Amino acid sequence: MGVGANFNGTPQAFVDGQPTVSRTLLDSGTLQVTVSPNLSSALGIHQFTVQQNTGTSNASPFTVYALQTAALVMNALPSFLVANETAAPSVVGGDVNGDGFADGLS
């Protein structure tokens, strides 16, 4: 989902310069896009841009990474149950790598 301002007409969305699979303009500040399934296997930082008749947006980073099981020392509260309560693994959110975004640990 792209959030911005002044989206109009038929904006085009790109990831690393490649067009997205589909785009839906929800309102002038929200653009919903579908990316190629291949993107989820391309780990790393990708650049997301929107192009329309008034110009091209600044690139916004979009990070794809593989979730990894956390060491027991990383089990923390609060956590979120993922399965049934008898043998439920948990997911913990926190900024592990210091980039300002929550990282999921299971």
Protein backbone atom coordinates (compact mmCIF):
# COMPACT_ATOMS: atom_id res chain seq x y z
CA MET A 1 0.00 0.00 0.00
CA GLY A 2 1.42 3.34 -0.98
CA VAL A 3 0.48 6.34 1.13
CA GLY A 4 1.18 9.80 -0.17
CA ALA A 5 -0.62 12.86 -1.43
CA ASN A 6 -2.18 14.04 -4.67
CA PHE A 7 -2.43 10.69 -6.44
CA ASN A 8 -4.60 11.23 -9.50
CA GLY A 9 -5.67 9.65 -12.76
CA THR A 10 -3.77 6.44 -13.39
CA PRO A 11 -0.61 6.43 -11.29
CA GLN A 12 1.95 3.74 -12.12
CA ALA A 13 3.82 1.99 -9.29
CA PHE A 14 7.31 0.50 -9.67
CA VAL A 15 9.54 -1.69 -7.53
CA ASP A 16 13.21 -1.47 -8.54
CA GLY A 17 12.10 0.16 -11.78
CA GLN A 18 9.78 -2.73 -12.71
CA PRO A 19 6.01 -2.14 -12.91
CA THR A 20 3.84 -3.69 -10.23
CA VAL A 21 1.33 -6.41 -11.17
CA SER A 22 -1.70 -4.20 -10.45
CA ARG A 23 -2.63 -0.84 -8.96
CA THR A 24 -5.84 0.43 -7.38
CA LEU A 25 -6.26 4.10 -6.55
CA LEU A 26 -8.28 4.08 -3.30
CA ASP A 27 -8.25 7.86 -2.82
CA SER A 28 -5.93 10.80 -3.50
CA GLY A 29 -3.66 9.70 -0.65
CA THR A 30 -3.71 5.89 -0.95
CA LEU A 31 -2.55 3.62 -3.75
CA GLN A 32 -2.90 -0.16 -3.33
CA VAL A 33 -0.48 -2.27 -5.36
CA THR A 34 0.18 -5.94 -5.96
CA VAL A 35 3.80 -6.92 -6.47
CA SER A 36 5.16 -9.94 -8.27
CA PRO A 37 5.42 -13.10 -6.13
CA ASN A 38 9.09 -13.19 -7.16
CA LEU A 39 9.70 -10.14 -4.97
CA SER A 40 9.11 -12.15 -1.78
CA SER A 41 12.05 -14.40 -2.68
CA ALA A 42 14.37 -11.51 -3.51
CA LEU A 43 15.70 -10.67 -0.05
CA GLY A 44 17.05 -7.17 0.44
CA ILE A 45 16.03 -3.53 0.18
CA HIS A 46 13.91 -2.63 -2.83
CA GLN A 47 12.98 0.85 -4.07
CA PHE A 48 9.29 1.70 -4.48
CA THR A 49 8.27 4.68 -6.65
CA VAL A 50 5.04 6.10 -8.06
CA GLN A 51 4.89 7.82 -11.43
CA GLN A 52 2.01 9.93 -12.70
CA ASN A 53 1.48 12.82 -15.11
CA THR A 54 2.84 15.33 -12.55
CA GLY A 55 6.14 13.49 -12.10
CA THR A 56 7.82 10.65 -10.22
CA SER A 57 7.89 10.30 -6.45
CA ASN A 58 11.02 9.98 -4.39
CA ALA A 59 12.02 6.35 -3.86
CA SER A 60 10.79 4.71 -0.69
CA PRO A 61 12.66 1.64 0.63
CA PHE A 62 10.79 -1.65 0.95
CA THR A 63 12.69 -4.38 2.81
CA VAL A 64 12.11 -8.10 2.20
CA TYR A 65 13.72 -10.48 4.66
CA ALA A 66 13.28 -14.05 5.84
CA LEU A 67 11.90 -14.61 9.33
CA GLN A 68 14.24 -16.67 11.46
CA THR A 69 13.60 -18.49 14.69
CA ALA A 70 14.86 -16.48 17.63
CA ALA A 71 17.08 -17.93 20.30
CA LEU A 72 15.36 -18.82 23.59
CA VAL A 73 16.89 -15.73 25.17
CA MET A 74 14.78 -13.66 22.73
CA ASN A 75 11.47 -15.06 24.02
CA ALA A 76 9.80 -12.11 25.65
CA LEU A 77 6.52 -10.69 26.81
CA PRO A 78 4.37 -9.33 25.41
CA SER A 79 4.19 -11.90 22.66
CA PHE A 80 1.42 -13.07 20.35
CA LEU A 81 0.12 -16.64 20.15
CA VAL A 82 0.37 -18.04 16.64
CA ALA A 83 -1.35 -21.44 16.96
CA ASN A 84 -3.48 -23.30 19.51
CA GLU A 85 -2.82 -22.54 23.16
CA THR A 86 -1.54 -25.98 24.17
CA ALA A 87 1.67 -25.85 22.14
CA ALA A 88 1.61 -22.36 20.74
CA PRO A 89 4.80 -20.81 19.41
CA SER A 90 4.87 -17.07 19.91
CA VAL A 91 5.91 -14.07 17.86
CA VAL A 92 7.64 -11.13 19.52
CA GLY A 93 7.88 -7.69 17.93
CA GLY A 94 10.79 -5.39 18.56
CA ASP A 95 13.38 -3.25 16.80
CA VAL A 96 16.25 -5.74 16.85
CA ASN A 97 18.42 -4.21 14.13
CA GLY A 98 17.92 -0.56 15.14
CA ASP A 99 16.35 0.59 11.86
CA GLY A 100 13.27 2.09 13.56
CA PHE A 101 10.91 -0.64 12.33
CA ALA A 102 9.50 -3.58 14.32
CA ASP A 103 11.10 -6.92 13.51
CA GLY A 104 9.15 -10.18 13.92
CA LEU A 105 10.81 -12.94 15.94
CA SER A 106 9.30 -16.36 16.37
